[in-house]
Amino acid sequence: MGQYVIGIDMGGTKTRAAAVDLEGRVLAARQGPTDPRDPRRGLEAMAGLVREVIAEVARNAAEEGGEAGQPGAAGSPGPIAVGLGAPGPLDVAGGRFQEAPNLPGWNGFPVARELWQALGLPVLLENDANAAAVGEHRFGAAVGLTDFLYVTLGTGIGGAVFMDGKLRRGTSGGAGEIGHVQVDPDGPVCGCGRRGCVEVFAAGPGIARAAGKDRAEEVFAAAAAGDEAARHGLAVAGQALGRGLALAVTLLDPQAVVIGGGMAEADPAGLAVYLEAAEAVVATAFIPGGRKAPIRRGVLAVNAGVLGAAALAMEVAARPASLPPKVVDKPWGREIWWAQTDRYVGKIIEVRAGTSLSLQYHRQKLETMLFVDGQGMIQLGDEAVTVTPGRSITITPGTLHRVRAVTDLRFYEVSTPEVEDVVRVKDDFGRA
């Protein structure tokens, strides 16, 4: 047993974490509730699941080695990266939530950074539906497909688009958000703030609410048992899903629609009522030549999200610069290099109170600083600017600048690729 990655599938009500080897085999998995309102508590619970998974893999490796504490023949196992699939909308590049309707307390929370710090492993954030689509494409029902729409059904409804064999995220990372396609402008208010979205009718909470039940599972079970009211409710919900899918099929002309998510594991007889209603509407979609886009059920079940997130983490782990973060001690504090690619460099910079960086400028490099902790000043040319948490400053090439820390100061710096173009005008070794 050798190295592996961690895949996390974070939903509106449940979070699942798994250790996945580089061949796509699940080595260990844990599941727990998602805290939708307290990101600090929710993050610690998520990190706890990961630690439990890591501990189980280590125990299994020790047993394979024949003695407690002894690694197996292939060497001591260890996680090398984390992939996290989470409900959108997300700022994937910034590693944070934007306005996730089903996780209101997490809006703006820098989950990738915080989880990285909690676990000491590089973390890649991705939309949960995108991650699950990657899982089905690499290991499941979408193997061999080049163009398909993936839809995840659960507390919310998400989607992902594959075209020409590649995941398409869109300009803001929201491609495939089928749950927020409006199908009734006079319908109930959705969690996104708009009215009559697919999600408000066809996701689990909407199905339960319309039937007067606590959980959608009860509605599916009742429909399977022949309850006509439950069957009618599921048909109405399926038609709403079908209207959204029909629009997407007309626009995208996919080979198939692949369905996954927790709700896809509902009672099969009840699920059939729901999906048959959706399929009947999708069949009316216009596709050149009269071709139909069949609806396929995913085959990875609860592991679709974790396997997809793990597959994305494998891509990150394959980049040597991302493993592990490089820490460079400085007279004024330290730099933590968390990313270095051919497009950008990312650092966490920590400056001790009463010290400063060099007075310098760059001939070519463009850099943006986001201040997250502490107080200080930054000199920009002849101007002195106060910096506090939340302040973002972009420094263009040729701008003379210097950061001074009043209290311990911490900020993120993302810049164009590192080049030897710095001109240090004054460097007094960290003394402010």
Protein backbone atom coordinates (compact mmCIF):
# COMPACT_ATOMS: atom_id res chain seq x y z
CA MET A 1 0.00 0.00 0.00
CA GLY A 2 1.59 3.27 -1.08
CA GLN A 3 0.57 6.87 -1.45
CA TYR A 4 -3.03 7.95 -1.86
CA VAL A 5 -5.22 11.04 -2.03
CA ILE A 6 -8.23 12.22 -0.05
CA GLY A 7 -11.53 12.92 -1.76
CA ILE A 8 -14.25 14.88 0.07
CA ASP A 9 -17.85 15.27 -1.08
CA MET A 10 -19.49 18.08 0.89
CA GLY A 11 -23.25 18.26 0.55
CA GLY A 12 -25.93 20.43 2.09
CA THR A 13 -26.67 17.87 4.81
CA LYS A 14 -23.86 15.26 4.69
CA THR A 15 -20.12 15.21 4.09
CA ARG A 16 -18.25 12.10 2.97
CA ALA A 17 -14.47 11.68 2.99
CA ALA A 18 -12.49 8.82 1.49
CA ALA A 19 -8.92 7.72 0.99
CA VAL A 20 -8.46 6.71 -2.64
CA ASP A 21 -5.39 5.06 -4.07
CA LEU A 22 -3.90 6.16 -7.36
CA GLU A 23 -5.82 3.42 -9.19
CA GLY A 24 -9.18 4.76 -7.96
CA ARG A 25 -9.81 2.18 -5.22
CA VAL A 26 -11.50 3.43 -2.03
CA LEU A 27 -9.27 2.40 0.90
CA ALA A 28 -11.40 3.83 3.71
CA ALA A 29 -14.37 6.19 4.03
CA ARG A 30 -16.26 8.14 6.69
CA GLN A 31 -19.46 10.17 6.58
CA GLY A 32 -20.93 12.77 8.93
CA PRO A 33 -23.41 15.67 9.01
CA THR A 34 -22.63 19.01 7.36
CA ASP A 35 -23.02 22.10 9.52
CA PRO A 36 -24.66 24.61 7.15
CA ARG A 37 -24.28 27.66 9.40
CA ASP A 38 -21.03 27.44 11.37
CA PRO A 39 -18.05 27.04 9.02
CA ARG A 40 -15.48 26.81 11.81
CA ARG A 41 -17.29 23.94 13.49
CA GLY A 42 -18.09 22.40 10.11
CA LEU A 43 -14.46 22.60 9.02
CA GLU A 44 -13.24 20.88 12.16
CA ALA A 45 -15.80 18.11 11.64
CA MET A 46 -14.62 17.71 8.05
CA ALA A 47 -10.98 17.59 9.12
CA GLY A 48 -11.97 15.04 11.77
CA LEU A 49 -13.46 12.74 9.12
CA VAL A 50 -10.25 12.98 7.11
CA ARG A 51 -8.11 12.20 10.16
CA GLU A 52 -10.26 9.13 10.88
CA VAL A 53 -9.80 7.95 7.31
CA ILE A 54 -6.04 8.47 7.47
CA ALA A 55 -5.88 6.56 10.77
CA GLU A 56 -7.83 3.62 9.30
CA VAL A 57 -5.53 3.42 6.29
CA ALA A 58 -2.51 3.44 8.61
CA ARG A 59 -4.01 0.65 10.74
CA ASN A 60 -4.72 -1.46 7.68
CA ALA A 61 -1.19 -0.89 6.41
CA ALA A 62 0.24 -1.95 9.78
CA GLU A 63 -1.81 -5.14 9.70
CA GLU A 64 -0.62 -5.89 6.19
CA GLY A 65 2.92 -5.43 7.46
CA GLY A 66 2.37 -8.17 9.98
CA GLU A 67 3.07 -6.11 13.08
CA ALA A 68 1.35 -3.13 14.61
CA GLY A 69 3.18 -0.01 13.61
CA GLN A 70 5.02 -1.65 10.75
CA PRO A 71 4.26 -0.51 7.20
CA GLY A 72 3.26 -2.95 4.50
CA ALA A 73 5.67 -4.22 1.91
CA ALA A 74 5.00 -1.30 -0.43
CA GLY A 75 6.07 1.22 2.18
CA SER A 76 4.30 3.47 4.63
CA PRO A 77 1.14 4.98 3.16
CA GLY A 78 0.46 8.68 3.27
CA PRO A 79 -1.98 11.16 1.73
CA ILE A 80 -0.43 13.55 -0.74
CA ALA A 81 -3.29 15.91 -1.62
CA VAL A 82 -6.97 16.61 -0.96
CA GLY A 83 -9.78 17.21 -3.44
CA LEU A 84 -12.90 18.88 -2.04
CA GLY A 85 -16.18 18.93 -3.94
CA ALA A 86 -18.58 21.50 -2.46
CA PRO A 87 -21.88 23.13 -3.45
CA GLY A 88 -21.60 26.25 -5.55
CA PRO A 89 -21.39 28.97 -6.49
CA LEU A 90 -17.69 28.89 -5.63
CA ASP A 91 -14.65 31.04 -6.17
CA VAL A 92 -12.58 28.03 -7.22
CA ALA A 93 -9.38 30.00 -7.87
CA GLY A 94 -9.68 31.74 -4.49
CA GLY A 95 -10.65 28.52 -2.70
CA ARG A 96 -13.78 29.96 -1.09
CA PHE A 97 -17.56 29.85 -1.16
CA GLN A 98 -19.46 32.63 -2.84
CA GLU A 99 -23.21 32.31 -2.22
CA ALA A 100 -24.09 28.65 -1.65
CA PRO A 101 -27.87 28.64 -1.12
CA ASN A 102 -27.83 25.49 1.03
CA LEU A 103 -24.82 26.54 3.15
CA PRO A 104 -25.65 30.14 4.14
CA GLY A 105 -23.09 30.34 6.92
CA TRP A 106 -20.21 29.45 4.60
CA ASN A 107 -20.56 32.40 2.20
CA GLY A 108 -17.13 33.95 1.70
CA PHE A 109 -15.41 31.30 3.84
CA PRO A 110 -11.92 30.37 2.51
CA VAL A 111 -12.47 26.64 2.91
CA ALA A 112 -9.48 25.46 0.84
CA ARG A 113 -7.01 27.58 2.80
CA GLU A 114 -8.47 26.63 6.18
CA LEU A 115 -8.62 22.93 5.40
CA TRP A 116 -5.05 23.06 4.05
CA GLN A 117 -3.91 24.55 7.35
CA ALA A 118 -5.90 22.04 9.41
CA LEU A 119 -4.51 19.00 7.56
CA GLY A 120 -1.13 20.20 6.30
CA LEU A 121 -2.00 18.98 2.79
CA PRO A 122 -2.61 20.89 -0.47
CA VAL A 123 -6.35 21.25 -1.13
CA LEU A 124 -8.10 21.64 -4.48
CA LEU A 125 -11.64 23.06 -4.34
CA GLU A 126 -14.17 22.14 -7.04
CA ASN A 127 -17.92 22.37 -7.50
CA ASP A 128 -19.47 19.16 -6.11
CA ALA A 129 -21.37 18.35 -9.29
CA ASN A 130 -18.22 18.87 -11.35
CA ALA A 131 -16.33 16.52 -9.05
CA ALA A 132 -19.03 13.83 -9.27
CA ALA A 133 -19.10 14.19 -13.05
CA VAL A 134 -15.35 13.65 -13.16
CA GLY A 135 -15.83 10.53 -11.02
CA GLU A 136 -18.47 9.05 -13.33
CA HIS A 137 -16.42 9.99 -16.40
CA ARG A 138 -13.27 8.36 -15.12
CA PHE A 139 -14.67 5.38 -13.24
CA GLY A 140 -18.43 5.01 -13.84
CA ALA A 141 -21.47 5.46 -16.09
CA ALA A 142 -19.88 8.13 -18.31
CA VAL A 143 -16.73 6.20 -19.22
CA GLY A 144 -16.28 6.59 -22.98
CA LEU A 145 -18.62 9.59 -23.30
CA THR A 146 -17.19 12.81 -24.68
CA ASP A 147 -20.30 15.02 -24.40
CA PHE A 148 -22.71 14.62 -21.50
CA LEU A 149 -24.64 16.52 -18.87
CA TYR A 150 -24.28 15.32 -15.30
CA VAL A 151 -27.02 16.11 -12.76
CA THR A 152 -26.71 15.54 -9.03
CA LEU A 153 -29.94 15.24 -7.03
CA GLY A 154 -30.05 15.76 -3.29
CA THR A 155 -30.62 18.64 -0.87
CA GLY A 156 -29.95 20.80 -3.90
CA ILE A 157 -29.66 20.08 -7.61
CA GLY A 158 -26.35 20.69 -9.33
CA GLY A 159 -24.99 19.95 -12.75
CA ALA A 160 -21.83 19.68 -14.77
CA VAL A 161 -21.02 19.77 -18.47
CA PHE A 162 -18.49 17.67 -20.39
CA MET A 163 -17.80 18.70 -23.98
CA ASP A 164 -15.18 17.21 -26.28
CA GLY A 165 -14.05 15.01 -23.40
CA LYS A 166 -13.31 17.91 -21.06
CA LEU A 167 -15.06 19.39 -18.04
CA ARG A 168 -16.36 22.86 -18.93
CA ARG A 169 -16.61 25.19 -15.93
CA GLY A 170 -17.77 28.37 -17.65
CA THR A 171 -16.57 31.92 -17.03
CA SER A 172 -17.48 31.93 -13.33
CA GLY A 173 -17.36 28.19 -12.70
CA GLY A 174 -21.13 27.82 -12.92
CA ALA A 175 -21.59 25.85 -16.13
CA GLY A 176 -24.25 23.18 -15.73
CA GLU A 177 -26.12 24.70 -12.77
CA ILE A 178 -29.34 23.07 -13.85
CA GLY A 179 -30.89 23.48 -10.39
CA HIS A 180 -31.14 27.23 -10.89
CA VAL A 181 -32.76 27.18 -14.30
CA GLN A 182 -36.07 28.99 -13.84
CA VAL A 183 -39.08 26.90 -14.90
CA ASP A 184 -41.87 28.91 -13.23
CA PRO A 185 -41.30 32.67 -12.76
CA ASP A 186 -44.28 32.78 -10.37
CA GLY A 187 -43.17 29.76 -8.35
CA PRO A 188 -41.85 29.57 -4.77
CA VAL A 189 -38.70 31.44 -3.78
CA CYS A 190 -35.54 29.37 -4.22
CA GLY A 191 -32.54 29.48 -1.89
CA CYS A 192 -30.73 31.51 -4.54
CA GLY A 193 -33.33 34.28 -4.15
CA ARG A 194 -35.07 33.79 -7.49
CA ARG A 195 -38.49 32.23 -8.02
CA GLY A 196 -39.43 28.90 -9.54
CA CYS A 197 -36.02 27.30 -10.09
CA VAL A 198 -35.83 23.57 -10.85
CA GLU A 199 -34.30 23.01 -7.41
CA VAL A 200 -37.23 24.45 -5.46
CA PHE A 201 -39.57 21.85 -7.04
CA ALA A 202 -37.37 18.85 -7.75
CA ALA A 203 -34.75 18.69 -4.96
CA GLY A 204 -35.30 16.68 -1.78
CA PRO A 205 -36.63 19.50 0.46
CA GLY A 206 -39.09 20.67 -2.20
CA ILE A 207 -40.43 17.15 -2.73
CA ALA A 208 -40.85 16.64 1.03
CA ARG A 209 -42.47 20.04 1.53
CA ALA A 210 -45.01 19.53 -1.25
CA ALA A 211 -46.04 16.18 0.25
CA GLY A 212 -46.14 17.41 3.85
CA LYS A 213 -43.34 15.03 4.85
CA ASP A 214 -40.13 15.55 6.79
CA ARG A 215 -37.88 13.85 4.24
CA ALA A 216 -38.01 13.10 0.53
CA GLU A 217 -37.16 9.46 1.26
CA GLU A 218 -40.60 9.09 2.85
CA VAL A 219 -42.26 10.32 -0.35
CA PHE A 220 -40.30 7.89 -2.53
CA ALA A 221 -41.14 5.00 -0.19
CA ALA A 222 -44.82 5.94 -0.14
CA ALA A 223 -44.91 6.14 -3.94
CA ALA A 224 -43.27 2.71 -4.15
CA ALA A 225 -46.01 1.37 -1.89
CA GLY A 226 -48.69 2.69 -4.25
CA ASP A 227 -49.68 5.96 -2.53
CA GLU A 228 -51.30 7.94 -5.36
CA ALA A 229 -50.70 11.35 -3.75
CA ALA A 230 -46.99 10.55 -3.38
CA ARG A 231 -46.80 9.29 -6.97
CA HIS A 232 -48.49 12.44 -8.23
CA GLY A 233 -46.10 14.63 -6.21
CA LEU A 234 -43.07 12.84 -7.62
CA ALA A 235 -44.43 13.12 -11.15
CA VAL A 236 -44.85 16.90 -10.73
CA ALA A 237 -41.30 17.18 -9.34
CA GLY A 238 -39.96 15.02 -12.18
CA GLN A 239 -41.68 17.21 -14.76
CA ALA A 240 -39.98 20.30 -13.29
CA LEU A 241 -36.62 18.53 -13.52
CA GLY A 242 -37.46 17.48 -17.08
CA ARG A 243 -38.22 21.06 -18.14
CA GLY A 244 -34.81 22.19 -16.98
CA LEU A 245 -33.09 19.23 -18.59
CA ALA A 246 -34.95 19.73 -21.88
CA LEU A 247 -33.61 23.27 -22.14
CA ALA A 248 -30.07 22.05 -21.43
CA VAL A 249 -30.34 19.17 -23.93
CA THR A 250 -31.51 21.52 -26.67
CA LEU A 251 -28.63 23.89 -26.01
CA LEU A 252 -25.84 21.34 -25.49
CA ASP A 253 -26.82 18.34 -27.68
CA PRO A 254 -25.23 15.81 -25.29
CA GLN A 255 -24.83 12.08 -25.88
CA ALA A 256 -26.61 11.40 -22.59
CA VAL A 257 -27.73 12.83 -19.26
CA VAL A 258 -26.17 11.05 -16.28
CA ILE A 259 -28.05 11.21 -12.96
CA GLY A 260 -26.36 10.88 -9.59
CA GLY A 261 -26.44 12.25 -6.05
CA GLY A 262 -27.95 11.02 -2.82
CA MET A 263 -31.56 11.19 -4.04
CA ALA A 264 -30.70 8.85 -6.90
CA GLU A 265 -30.33 6.16 -4.21
CA ALA A 266 -34.01 6.48 -3.19
CA ASP A 267 -36.47 3.56 -3.36
CA PRO A 268 -36.15 2.32 -6.98
CA ALA A 269 -39.89 2.07 -7.60
CA GLY A 270 -40.48 5.60 -6.33
CA LEU A 271 -37.45 6.92 -8.19
CA ALA A 272 -38.79 5.39 -11.39
CA VAL A 273 -41.95 7.53 -11.11
CA TYR A 274 -39.83 10.67 -10.71
CA LEU A 275 -37.36 9.91 -13.51
CA GLU A 276 -39.96 8.64 -15.98
CA ALA A 277 -41.79 11.97 -15.63
CA ALA A 278 -38.51 13.79 -16.28
CA GLU A 279 -37.66 11.56 -19.26
CA ALA A 280 -41.05 12.20 -20.88
CA VAL A 281 -40.37 15.95 -20.89
CA VAL A 282 -36.74 15.58 -22.00
CA ALA A 283 -37.97 13.50 -24.96
CA THR A 284 -39.66 16.64 -26.30
CA ALA A 285 -36.37 18.54 -26.51
CA PHE A 286 -35.21 19.54 -29.97
CA ILE A 287 -32.05 17.78 -31.14
CA PRO A 288 -31.03 17.89 -34.84
CA GLY A 289 -31.93 14.70 -36.65
CA GLY A 290 -34.50 13.70 -34.07
CA ARG A 291 -31.94 11.96 -31.88
CA LYS A 292 -32.83 11.49 -28.20
CA ALA A 293 -30.53 12.03 -25.22
CA PRO A 294 -31.07 9.06 -22.88
CA ILE A 295 -30.99 9.43 -19.10
CA ARG A 296 -28.45 7.13 -17.46
CA ARG A 297 -28.17 6.47 -13.77
CA GLY A 298 -24.71 6.83 -12.29
CA VAL A 299 -23.08 3.65 -11.02
CA LEU A 300 -20.74 5.03 -8.36
CA ALA A 301 -23.52 5.83 -5.86
CA VAL A 302 -22.24 7.62 -2.74
CA ASN A 303 -18.65 7.42 -3.97
CA ALA A 304 -19.12 9.47 -7.16
CA GLY A 305 -18.22 12.74 -5.46
CA VAL A 306 -15.28 11.45 -3.45
CA LEU A 307 -13.83 9.57 -6.42
CA GLY A 308 -14.14 12.62 -8.65
CA ALA A 309 -12.60 14.90 -6.03
CA ALA A 310 -9.83 12.36 -5.57
CA ALA A 311 -9.20 12.24 -9.32
CA LEU A 312 -8.80 16.02 -9.33
CA ALA A 313 -6.47 15.81 -6.34
CA MET A 314 -4.35 13.29 -8.27
CA GLU A 315 -3.87 15.92 -10.96
CA VAL A 316 -2.68 18.43 -8.36
CA ALA A 317 -0.43 15.86 -6.73
CA ALA A 318 1.19 15.20 -10.09
CA ARG A 319 2.56 18.74 -10.08
CA PRO A 320 5.75 18.59 -8.01
CA ALA A 321 5.55 22.27 -7.11
CA SER A 322 2.40 21.67 -5.09
CA LEU A 323 3.90 19.01 -2.80
CA PRO A 324 4.36 19.99 -0.05
CA PRO A 325 4.14 23.78 0.52
CA LYS A 326 7.65 25.22 0.64
CA VAL A 327 8.37 27.22 3.80
CA VAL A 328 11.10 29.88 3.64
CA ASP A 329 12.22 31.59 6.85
CA LYS A 330 12.94 35.30 6.58
CA PRO A 331 14.39 37.89 9.02
CA TRP A 332 10.89 39.38 9.29
CA GLY A 333 8.88 36.12 9.41
CA ARG A 334 8.30 33.48 6.74
CA GLU A 335 6.87 32.69 3.31
CA ILE A 336 4.74 29.60 2.65
CA TRP A 337 4.65 28.76 -1.05
CA TRP A 338 1.31 27.02 -1.59
CA ALA A 339 1.27 27.07 -5.40
CA GLN A 340 3.79 27.50 -8.21
CA THR A 341 2.61 26.88 -11.76
CA ASP A 342 3.46 28.20 -15.19
CA ARG A 343 0.65 30.74 -14.77
CA TYR A 344 0.93 32.02 -11.19
CA VAL A 345 2.68 31.77 -7.83
CA GLY A 346 0.78 31.74 -4.55
CA LYS A 347 2.31 32.47 -1.14
CA ILE A 348 1.17 33.01 2.42
CA ILE A 349 3.37 35.71 3.94
CA GLU A 350 3.63 36.14 7.70
CA VAL A 351 5.35 39.28 9.04
CA ARG A 352 6.19 39.66 12.74
CA ALA A 353 5.02 42.75 14.61
CA GLY A 354 7.52 45.62 14.36
CA THR A 355 9.26 44.33 11.24
CA SER A 356 8.97 45.01 7.53
CA LEU A 357 9.81 43.62 4.12
CA SER A 358 12.29 45.23 1.75
CA LEU A 359 11.54 48.50 0.00
CA GLN A 360 11.42 47.23 -3.57
CA TYR A 361 9.78 47.14 -6.96
CA HIS A 362 9.46 44.59 -9.77
CA ARG A 363 10.21 45.21 -13.41
CA GLN A 364 7.64 42.71 -14.73
CA LYS A 365 5.80 40.91 -11.96
CA LEU A 366 2.18 41.78 -11.11
CA GLU A 367 1.09 40.82 -7.60
CA THR A 368 -2.08 41.00 -5.53
CA MET A 369 -2.03 40.93 -1.73
CA LEU A 370 -5.07 39.93 0.34
CA PHE A 371 -4.62 40.76 4.03
CA VAL A 372 -6.26 38.23 6.35
CA ASP A 373 -4.89 38.83 9.88
CA GLY A 374 -3.29 41.70 11.82
CA GLN A 375 -2.68 45.36 11.12
CA GLY A 376 0.03 47.19 9.25
CA MET A 377 0.95 49.67 6.56
CA ILE A 378 2.00 49.33 2.97
CA GLN A 379 4.01 51.99 1.20
CA LEU A 380 2.95 52.41 -2.43
CA GLY A 381 5.22 54.95 -4.06
CA ASP A 382 4.85 58.11 -1.96
CA GLU A 383 1.59 56.96 -0.36
CA ALA A 384 1.17 55.07 2.92
CA VAL A 385 -1.92 52.83 3.07
CA THR A 386 -3.30 51.20 6.22
CA VAL A 387 -3.99 47.49 5.80
CA THR A 388 -6.46 45.45 7.85
CA PRO A 389 -8.12 42.06 7.28
CA GLY A 390 -10.13 41.98 4.06
CA ARG A 391 -8.08 44.67 2.31
CA SER A 392 -6.86 43.66 -1.15
CA ILE A 393 -4.14 45.59 -2.98
CA THR A 394 -2.76 44.99 -6.47
CA ILE A 395 0.78 46.17 -7.18
CA THR A 396 1.70 46.83 -10.78
CA PRO A 397 5.23 46.47 -12.22
CA GLY A 398 7.44 49.42 -11.39
CA THR A 399 5.53 50.43 -8.24
CA LEU A 400 7.81 50.99 -5.25
CA HIS A 401 6.31 49.18 -2.26
CA ARG A 402 7.03 47.97 1.24
CA VAL A 403 4.91 46.16 3.85
CA ARG A 404 5.28 47.06 7.54
CA ALA A 405 3.65 45.09 10.39
CA VAL A 406 2.16 46.94 13.36
CA THR A 407 0.87 43.68 14.85
CA ASP A 408 1.65 40.20 13.56
CA LEU A 409 0.50 40.45 9.94
CA ARG A 410 -0.58 37.73 7.56
CA PHE A 411 -1.54 38.02 3.90
CA TYR A 412 -1.89 36.01 0.73
CA GLU A 413 0.14 37.02 -2.28
CA VAL A 414 -0.71 35.77 -5.76
CA SER A 415 1.54 36.94 -8.56
CA THR A 416 2.49 36.27 -12.13
CA PRO A 417 5.24 33.62 -12.44
CA GLU A 418 8.36 34.17 -10.38
CA VAL A 419 11.15 35.88 -12.29
CA GLU A 420 14.40 37.50 -11.17
CA ASP A 421 13.19 41.05 -11.67
CA VAL A 422 13.14 42.50 -8.15
CA VAL A 423 15.00 45.71 -7.43
CA ARG A 424 15.63 46.17 -3.68
CA VAL A 425 15.99 49.86 -2.89
CA LYS A 426 16.43 49.31 0.85
CA ASP A 427 16.67 46.15 2.91
CA ASP A 428 17.29 46.64 6.63
CA PHE A 429 16.82 42.99 7.52
CA GLY A 430 13.31 43.14 8.86
CA ARG A 431 13.63 46.13 11.17
CA ALA A 432 10.64 48.45 10.76
